[in-house]
Amino acid sequence: MKIILLGAPGAGKGTQAVVLADKFGIPHISTGDIFRSNIKNGTELGKKAKEYIDKGLLVPDEVTVEIVKDRIHQADCKNGFILDGFPRTIPQAEYLDNALKELGMGIDAVLNINVPDEDIIKRLSGRRVCTGCSMTYHIHYNVPKTEGICDVCNAALIQRDDDSEETVINRLKTYHSQTEPLIQYYTPKGKVITIEGKDKIEDTSREMLRRLGA
């Protein structure tokens, strides 16, 4: 099963990707995780990516496509994969089509998780991440036992630069102008399945798997 996850930043793509990866036994490929790893390690790619991510902008295609190309060529992608955060533009989608065609593959489903902008802003601007183990909390929905401290490893919690309200709004503008058109790109191919992002993660997961026939 080869799946693309679409949806605004904060719609829950990463969370649902874990559910899908477990259900189908295929890897979850997140360009966001790859970028953050490079940023944390101070690589040249990380430095380039950080300049864009901190402003709520997309990392340029030429940086992103090379990462994805290498990843889908690896052996664990033979039976499928879940793409989370790629493609984000029409040119990237066209590139992916060509890369998969070379491998004799095609996308089986494009899952679009729909969440209103006002809910996204509330979700992301309230998110806090542990500096030690990367556990995620929320000032409204998933409050730590001690304010500012991780329940798991006792390290400090921070708000990521790209989770500030101003940056979230910019990220949403970028999503609507550059990534949302992918819904129209994939619709004629009969691949798009739109899921309403529910407040409860398990409700979204249940509907997603039902629509996939799993």
C-alpha atoms as a PDB file:
ATOM      1  CA  MET A   1       0.000   0.000   0.000  1.00  0.00           C
ATOM      2  CA  LYS A   2       1.515   3.307  -1.127  1.00  0.00           C
ATOM      3  CA  ILE A   3      -0.161   6.250   0.575  1.00  0.00           C
ATOM      4  CA  ILE A   4       0.235  10.032   0.507  1.00  0.00           C
ATOM      5  CA  LEU A   5      -1.025  11.983   3.528  1.00  0.00           C
ATOM      6  CA  LEU A   6      -2.318  15.484   2.836  1.00  0.00           C
ATOM      7  CA  GLY A   7      -3.582  18.083   5.286  1.00  0.00           C
ATOM      8  CA  ALA A   8      -2.586  21.394   6.826  1.00  0.00           C
ATOM      9  CA  PRO A   9       0.274  21.509   9.345  1.00  0.00           C
ATOM     10  CA  GLY A  10      -1.175  20.298  12.635  1.00  0.00           C
ATOM     11  CA  ALA A  11      -3.978  18.270  11.035  1.00  0.00           C
ATOM     12  CA  GLY A  12      -2.584  15.086  12.591  1.00  0.00           C
ATOM     13  CA  LYS A  13      -0.808  13.536   9.617  1.00  0.00           C
ATOM     14  CA  GLY A  14       2.127  12.271  11.669  1.00  0.00           C
ATOM     15  CA  THR A  15      -0.124  10.653  14.267  1.00  0.00           C
ATOM     16  CA  GLN A  16      -2.270   8.912  11.664  1.00  0.00           C
ATOM     17  CA  ALA A  17       0.824   7.831   9.724  1.00  0.00           C
ATOM     18  CA  VAL A  18       1.903   5.777  12.763  1.00  0.00           C
ATOM     19  CA  VAL A  19      -1.500   4.044  12.766  1.00  0.00           C
ATOM     20  CA  LEU A  20      -1.206   3.262   9.046  1.00  0.00           C
ATOM     21  CA  ALA A  21       2.396   2.058   9.312  1.00  0.00           C
ATOM     22  CA  ASP A  22       1.413  -0.368  12.073  1.00  0.00           C
ATOM     23  CA  LYS A  23      -1.690  -1.589  10.228  1.00  0.00           C
ATOM     24  CA  PHE A  24       0.003  -2.232   6.876  1.00  0.00           C
ATOM     25  CA  GLY A  25       3.562  -2.968   8.068  1.00  0.00           C
ATOM     26  CA  ILE A  26       5.135  -0.281   5.864  1.00  0.00           C
ATOM     27  CA  PRO A  27       7.514   2.610   6.680  1.00  0.00           C
ATOM     28  CA  HIS A  28       6.355   6.115   7.566  1.00  0.00           C
ATOM     29  CA  ILE A  29       8.459   8.577   5.573  1.00  0.00           C
ATOM     30  CA  SER A  30       8.300  12.072   7.072  1.00  0.00           C
ATOM     31  CA  THR A  31      10.361  14.779   5.404  1.00  0.00           C
ATOM     32  CA  GLY A  32       9.721  16.921   8.490  1.00  0.00           C
ATOM     33  CA  ASP A  33      11.454  14.366  10.737  1.00  0.00           C
ATOM     34  CA  ILE A  34      14.371  14.120   8.303  1.00  0.00           C
ATOM     35  CA  PHE A  35      14.743  17.899   8.239  1.00  0.00           C
ATOM     36  CA  ARG A  36      14.541  18.201  12.049  1.00  0.00           C
ATOM     37  CA  SER A  37      17.191  15.495  12.468  1.00  0.00           C
ATOM     38  CA  ASN A  38      19.511  17.376  10.132  1.00  0.00           C
ATOM     39  CA  ILE A  39      18.808  20.670  11.924  1.00  0.00           C
ATOM     40  CA  LYS A  40      19.557  19.099  15.322  1.00  0.00           C
ATOM     41  CA  ASN A  41      22.829  17.653  13.983  1.00  0.00           C
ATOM     42  CA  GLY A  42      23.830  20.939  12.351  1.00  0.00           C
ATOM     43  CA  THR A  43      24.327  19.498   8.851  1.00  0.00           C
ATOM     44  CA  GLU A  44      24.491  21.709   5.772  1.00  0.00           C
ATOM     45  CA  LEU A  45      21.047  20.426   4.722  1.00  0.00           C
ATOM     46  CA  GLY A  46      19.776  21.214   8.210  1.00  0.00           C
ATOM     47  CA  LYS A  47      21.074  24.793   8.062  1.00  0.00           C
ATOM     48  CA  LYS A  48      19.437  25.347   4.676  1.00  0.00           C
ATOM     49  CA  ALA A  49      16.145  23.795   5.774  1.00  0.00           C
ATOM     50  CA  LYS A  50      16.037  25.768   9.059  1.00  0.00           C
ATOM     51  CA  GLU A  51      16.149  29.109   7.239  1.00  0.00           C
ATOM     52  CA  TYR A  52      12.873  28.257   5.512  1.00  0.00           C
ATOM     53  CA  ILE A  53      11.124  26.261   8.261  1.00  0.00           C
ATOM     54  CA  ASP A  54      11.596  28.989  10.883  1.00  0.00           C
ATOM     55  CA  LYS A  55       9.779  31.416   8.576  1.00  0.00           C
ATOM     56  CA  GLY A  56       6.940  28.991   7.916  1.00  0.00           C
ATOM     57  CA  LEU A  57       8.043  28.520   4.297  1.00  0.00           C
ATOM     58  CA  LEU A  58       8.513  25.340   2.290  1.00  0.00           C
ATOM     59  CA  VAL A  59      11.981  23.878   1.844  1.00  0.00           C
ATOM     60  CA  PRO A  60      12.915  24.192  -1.884  1.00  0.00           C
ATOM     61  CA  ASP A  61      12.092  21.271  -4.158  1.00  0.00           C
ATOM     62  CA  GLU A  62      15.708  20.537  -5.073  1.00  0.00           C
ATOM     63  CA  VAL A  63      16.554  19.909  -1.399  1.00  0.00           C
ATOM     64  CA  THR A  64      13.441  17.855  -0.667  1.00  0.00           C
ATOM     65  CA  VAL A  65      13.225  15.629  -3.740  1.00  0.00           C
ATOM     66  CA  GLU A  66      16.700  14.169  -3.321  1.00  0.00           C
ATOM     67  CA  ILE A  67      15.868  13.028   0.208  1.00  0.00           C
ATOM     68  CA  VAL A  68      12.646  11.335  -0.879  1.00  0.00           C
ATOM     69  CA  LYS A  69      14.183   9.757  -3.967  1.00  0.00           C
ATOM     70  CA  ASP A  70      16.888   8.072  -1.898  1.00  0.00           C
ATOM     71  CA  ARG A  71      14.381   6.962   0.722  1.00  0.00           C
ATOM     72  CA  ILE A  72      11.855   5.232  -1.556  1.00  0.00           C
ATOM     73  CA  HIS A  73      14.681   3.298  -3.211  1.00  0.00           C
ATOM     74  CA  GLN A  74      15.488   1.547   0.084  1.00  0.00           C
ATOM     75  CA  ALA A  75      14.530  -2.095   0.577  1.00  0.00           C
ATOM     76  CA  ASP A  76      11.893  -1.541   3.275  1.00  0.00           C
ATOM     77  CA  CYS A  77       9.751   0.414   0.785  1.00  0.00           C
ATOM     78  CA  LYS A  78       9.356  -2.592  -1.510  1.00  0.00           C
ATOM     79  CA  ASN A  79       5.828  -3.355  -0.231  1.00  0.00           C
ATOM     80  CA  GLY A  80       4.756   0.263   0.146  1.00  0.00           C
ATOM     81  CA  PHE A  81       5.210   3.386   2.238  1.00  0.00           C
ATOM     82  CA  ILE A  82       3.420   6.364   3.741  1.00  0.00           C
ATOM     83  CA  LEU A  83       4.558   9.795   2.574  1.00  0.00           C
ATOM     84  CA  ASP A  84       3.984  12.515   5.174  1.00  0.00           C
ATOM     85  CA  GLY A  85       5.025  16.027   4.146  1.00  0.00           C
ATOM     86  CA  PHE A  86       5.789  15.159   0.522  1.00  0.00           C
ATOM     87  CA  PRO A  87       4.729  16.082  -2.081  1.00  0.00           C
ATOM     88  CA  ARG A  88       3.870  19.651  -1.053  1.00  0.00           C
ATOM     89  CA  THR A  89       3.707  21.252  -4.495  1.00  0.00           C
ATOM     90  CA  ILE A  90       2.473  20.275  -7.955  1.00  0.00           C
ATOM     91  CA  PRO A  91       6.065  20.061  -9.313  1.00  0.00           C
ATOM     92  CA  GLN A  92       6.967  17.695  -6.465  1.00  0.00           C
ATOM     93  CA  ALA A  93       3.911  15.541  -7.255  1.00  0.00           C
ATOM     94  CA  GLU A  94       4.953  15.360 -10.905  1.00  0.00           C
ATOM     95  CA  TYR A  95       8.454  14.378  -9.847  1.00  0.00           C
ATOM     96  CA  LEU A  96       7.061  11.659  -7.578  1.00  0.00           C
ATOM     97  CA  ASP A  97       4.885  10.276 -10.381  1.00  0.00           C
ATOM     98  CA  ASN A  98       7.967   9.941 -12.592  1.00  0.00           C
ATOM     99  CA  ALA A  99      10.124   8.423  -9.842  1.00  0.00           C
ATOM    100  CA  LEU A 100       7.466   5.815  -9.007  1.00  0.00           C
ATOM    101  CA  LYS A 101       6.904   5.040 -12.682  1.00  0.00           C
ATOM    102  CA  GLU A 102      10.604   4.207 -13.011  1.00  0.00           C
ATOM    103  CA  LEU A 103      10.176   1.738 -10.135  1.00  0.00           C
ATOM    104  CA  GLY A 104       6.999   0.245 -11.614  1.00  0.00           C
ATOM    105  CA  MET A 105       4.942   1.686  -8.751  1.00  0.00           C
ATOM    106  CA  GLY A 106       1.946   3.973  -8.328  1.00  0.00           C
ATOM    107  CA  ILE A 107       0.151   5.688  -5.473  1.00  0.00           C
ATOM    108  CA  ASP A 108      -2.815   3.695  -4.111  1.00  0.00           C
ATOM    109  CA  ALA A 109      -4.486   6.421  -2.024  1.00  0.00           C
ATOM    110  CA  VAL A 110      -4.167  10.113  -1.167  1.00  0.00           C
ATOM    111  CA  LEU A 111      -5.616  10.669   2.301  1.00  0.00           C
ATOM    112  CA  ASN A 112      -6.655  14.276   2.883  1.00  0.00           C
ATOM    113  CA  ILE A 113      -7.216  15.100   6.585  1.00  0.00           C
ATOM    114  CA  ASN A 114      -9.434  18.177   6.729  1.00  0.00           C
ATOM    115  CA  VAL A 115      -9.268  20.455   9.813  1.00  0.00           C
ATOM    116  CA  PRO A 116     -10.488  24.114   9.979  1.00  0.00           C
ATOM    117  CA  ASP A 117      -7.761  26.785  10.204  1.00  0.00           C
ATOM    118  CA  GLU A 118      -8.955  28.101  13.575  1.00  0.00           C
ATOM    119  CA  ASP A 119      -8.588  24.618  15.085  1.00  0.00           C
ATOM    120  CA  ILE A 120      -5.096  24.267  13.570  1.00  0.00           C
ATOM    121  CA  ILE A 121      -3.958  27.557  15.117  1.00  0.00           C
ATOM    122  CA  LYS A 122      -5.227  26.505  18.544  1.00  0.00           C
ATOM    123  CA  ARG A 123      -3.615  23.077  18.257  1.00  0.00           C
ATOM    124  CA  LEU A 124      -0.167  24.207  17.119  1.00  0.00           C
ATOM    125  CA  SER A 125       0.325  27.398  19.096  1.00  0.00           C
ATOM    126  CA  GLY A 126      -0.406  25.428  22.280  1.00  0.00           C
ATOM    127  CA  ARG A 127       1.977  22.583  21.487  1.00  0.00           C
ATOM    128  CA  ARG A 128       5.094  22.044  23.622  1.00  0.00           C
ATOM    129  CA  VAL A 129       7.926  19.605  22.870  1.00  0.00           C
ATOM    130  CA  CYS A 130      10.387  17.966  25.280  1.00  0.00           C
ATOM    131  CA  THR A 131      14.023  18.971  24.705  1.00  0.00           C
ATOM    132  CA  GLY A 132      15.119  15.546  25.932  1.00  0.00           C
ATOM    133  CA  CYS A 133      12.929  12.759  24.548  1.00  0.00           C
ATOM    134  CA  SER A 134      10.811  14.788  22.037  1.00  0.00           C
ATOM    135  CA  MET A 135       7.543  13.838  23.803  1.00  0.00           C
ATOM    136  CA  THR A 136       4.754  16.209  22.756  1.00  0.00           C
ATOM    137  CA  TYR A 137       2.365  18.022  25.123  1.00  0.00           C
ATOM    138  CA  HIS A 138      -0.326  20.686  24.794  1.00  0.00           C
ATOM    139  CA  ILE A 139      -1.279  23.530  27.127  1.00  0.00           C
ATOM    140  CA  HIS A 140      -4.987  22.646  26.707  1.00  0.00           C
ATOM    141  CA  TYR A 141      -5.304  19.022  25.585  1.00  0.00           C
ATOM    142  CA  ASN A 142      -2.297  17.160  27.006  1.00  0.00           C
ATOM    143  CA  VAL A 143      -0.993  19.107  30.003  1.00  0.00           C
ATOM    144  CA  PRO A 144       2.200  17.861  31.740  1.00  0.00           C
ATOM    145  CA  LYS A 145       1.991  17.074  35.478  1.00  0.00           C
ATOM    146  CA  THR A 146       4.470  19.881  36.196  1.00  0.00           C
ATOM    147  CA  GLU A 147       4.268  22.999  34.039  1.00  0.00           C
ATOM    148  CA  GLY A 148       7.182  23.210  31.594  1.00  0.00           C
ATOM    149  CA  ILE A 149       8.612  19.803  32.583  1.00  0.00           C
ATOM    150  CA  CYS A 150       8.369  16.481  30.712  1.00  0.00           C
ATOM    151  CA  ASP A 151       6.541  13.690  32.583  1.00  0.00           C
ATOM    152  CA  VAL A 152       8.823  11.062  31.031  1.00  0.00           C
ATOM    153  CA  CYS A 153      12.390  12.389  31.386  1.00  0.00           C
ATOM    154  CA  ASN A 154      12.025  15.639  33.412  1.00  0.00           C
ATOM    155  CA  ALA A 155      13.656  17.727  30.682  1.00  0.00           C
ATOM    156  CA  ALA A 156      12.373  21.216  29.815  1.00  0.00           C
ATOM    157  CA  LEU A 157       9.451  21.716  27.440  1.00  0.00           C
ATOM    158  CA  ILE A 158       9.689  24.352  24.706  1.00  0.00           C
ATOM    159  CA  GLN A 159       7.545  25.846  21.979  1.00  0.00           C
ATOM    160  CA  ARG A 160       9.161  25.125  18.615  1.00  0.00           C
ATOM    161  CA  ASP A 161       9.922  28.221  16.527  1.00  0.00           C
ATOM    162  CA  ASP A 162       7.539  26.992  13.832  1.00  0.00           C
ATOM    163  CA  ASP A 163       4.688  26.629  16.367  1.00  0.00           C
ATOM    164  CA  SER A 164       4.389  30.326  17.273  1.00  0.00           C
ATOM    165  CA  GLU A 165       0.981  31.736  16.274  1.00  0.00           C
ATOM    166  CA  GLU A 166       2.473  34.123  13.693  1.00  0.00           C
ATOM    167  CA  THR A 167       4.462  31.319  12.067  1.00  0.00           C
ATOM    168  CA  VAL A 168       1.469  28.946  12.143  1.00  0.00           C
ATOM    169  CA  ILE A 169      -0.621  31.520  10.246  1.00  0.00           C
ATOM    170  CA  ASN A 170       2.167  31.856   7.665  1.00  0.00           C
ATOM    171  CA  ARG A 171       2.388  28.068   7.393  1.00  0.00           C
ATOM    172  CA  LEU A 172      -1.354  27.873   6.737  1.00  0.00           C
ATOM    173  CA  LYS A 173      -1.127  30.531   4.019  1.00  0.00           C
ATOM    174  CA  THR A 174       1.688  28.558   2.399  1.00  0.00           C
ATOM    175  CA  TYR A 175      -0.325  25.333   2.656  1.00  0.00           C
ATOM    176  CA  HIS A 176      -3.429  26.849   1.036  1.00  0.00           C
ATOM    177  CA  SER A 177      -1.488  28.434  -1.826  1.00  0.00           C
ATOM    178  CA  GLN A 178       1.046  25.681  -2.591  1.00  0.00           C
ATOM    179  CA  THR A 179      -0.070  22.335  -1.161  1.00  0.00           C
ATOM    180  CA  GLU A 180      -3.878  22.383  -1.188  1.00  0.00           C
ATOM    181  CA  PRO A 181      -3.925  22.387  -5.036  1.00  0.00           C
ATOM    182  CA  LEU A 182      -2.642  18.794  -4.818  1.00  0.00           C
ATOM    183  CA  ILE A 183      -6.193  17.747  -3.953  1.00  0.00           C
ATOM    184  CA  GLN A 184      -7.278  18.887  -7.411  1.00  0.00           C
ATOM    185  CA  TYR A 185      -4.157  17.297  -8.934  1.00  0.00           C
ATOM    186  CA  TYR A 186      -4.936  13.830  -7.542  1.00  0.00           C
ATOM    187  CA  THR A 187      -8.754  13.941  -7.735  1.00  0.00           C
ATOM    188  CA  PRO A 188      -8.960  13.126 -11.484  1.00  0.00           C
ATOM    189  CA  LYS A 189      -6.751  10.097 -10.788  1.00  0.00           C
ATOM    190  CA  GLY A 190      -9.453   8.790  -8.424  1.00  0.00           C
ATOM    191  CA  LYS A 191      -7.055   8.555  -5.492  1.00  0.00           C
ATOM    192  CA  VAL A 192      -8.321  11.199  -3.028  1.00  0.00           C
ATOM    193  CA  ILE A 193     -10.082  10.175   0.201  1.00  0.00           C
ATOM    194  CA  THR A 194     -11.041  13.124   2.414  1.00  0.00           C
ATOM    195  CA  ILE A 195     -11.337  12.470   6.152  1.00  0.00           C
ATOM    196  CA  GLU A 196     -12.663  15.030   8.629  1.00  0.00           C
ATOM    197  CA  GLY A 197     -10.084  15.424  11.401  1.00  0.00           C
ATOM    198  CA  LYS A 198     -11.921  14.689  14.652  1.00  0.00           C
ATOM    199  CA  ASP A 199     -11.075  15.992  18.133  1.00  0.00           C
ATOM    200  CA  LYS A 200     -10.402  12.411  19.208  1.00  0.00           C
ATOM    201  CA  ILE A 201      -7.475  10.821  17.380  1.00  0.00           C
ATOM    202  CA  GLU A 202      -9.014   7.342  17.511  1.00  0.00           C
ATOM    203  CA  ASP A 203     -12.182   8.572  15.766  1.00  0.00           C
ATOM    204  CA  THR A 204     -10.129   9.888  12.866  1.00  0.00           C
ATOM    205  CA  SER A 205      -8.117   6.652  12.734  1.00  0.00           C
ATOM    206  CA  ARG A 206     -11.240   4.503  12.690  1.00  0.00           C
ATOM    207  CA  GLU A 207     -12.801   6.470   9.829  1.00  0.00           C
ATOM    208  CA  MET A 208      -9.522   6.496   7.890  1.00  0.00           C
ATOM    209  CA  LEU A 209      -9.095   2.722   8.072  1.00  0.00           C
ATOM    210  CA  ARG A 210     -12.757   2.162   7.198  1.00  0.00           C
ATOM    211  CA  ARG A 211     -12.405   4.288   4.074  1.00  0.00           C
ATOM    212  CA  LEU A 212      -9.286   2.346   3.096  1.00  0.00           C
ATOM    213  CA  GLY A 213     -11.164  -0.924   3.530  1.00  0.00           C
ATOM    214  CA  ALA A 214      -8.783  -2.080   6.266  1.00  0.00           C
END
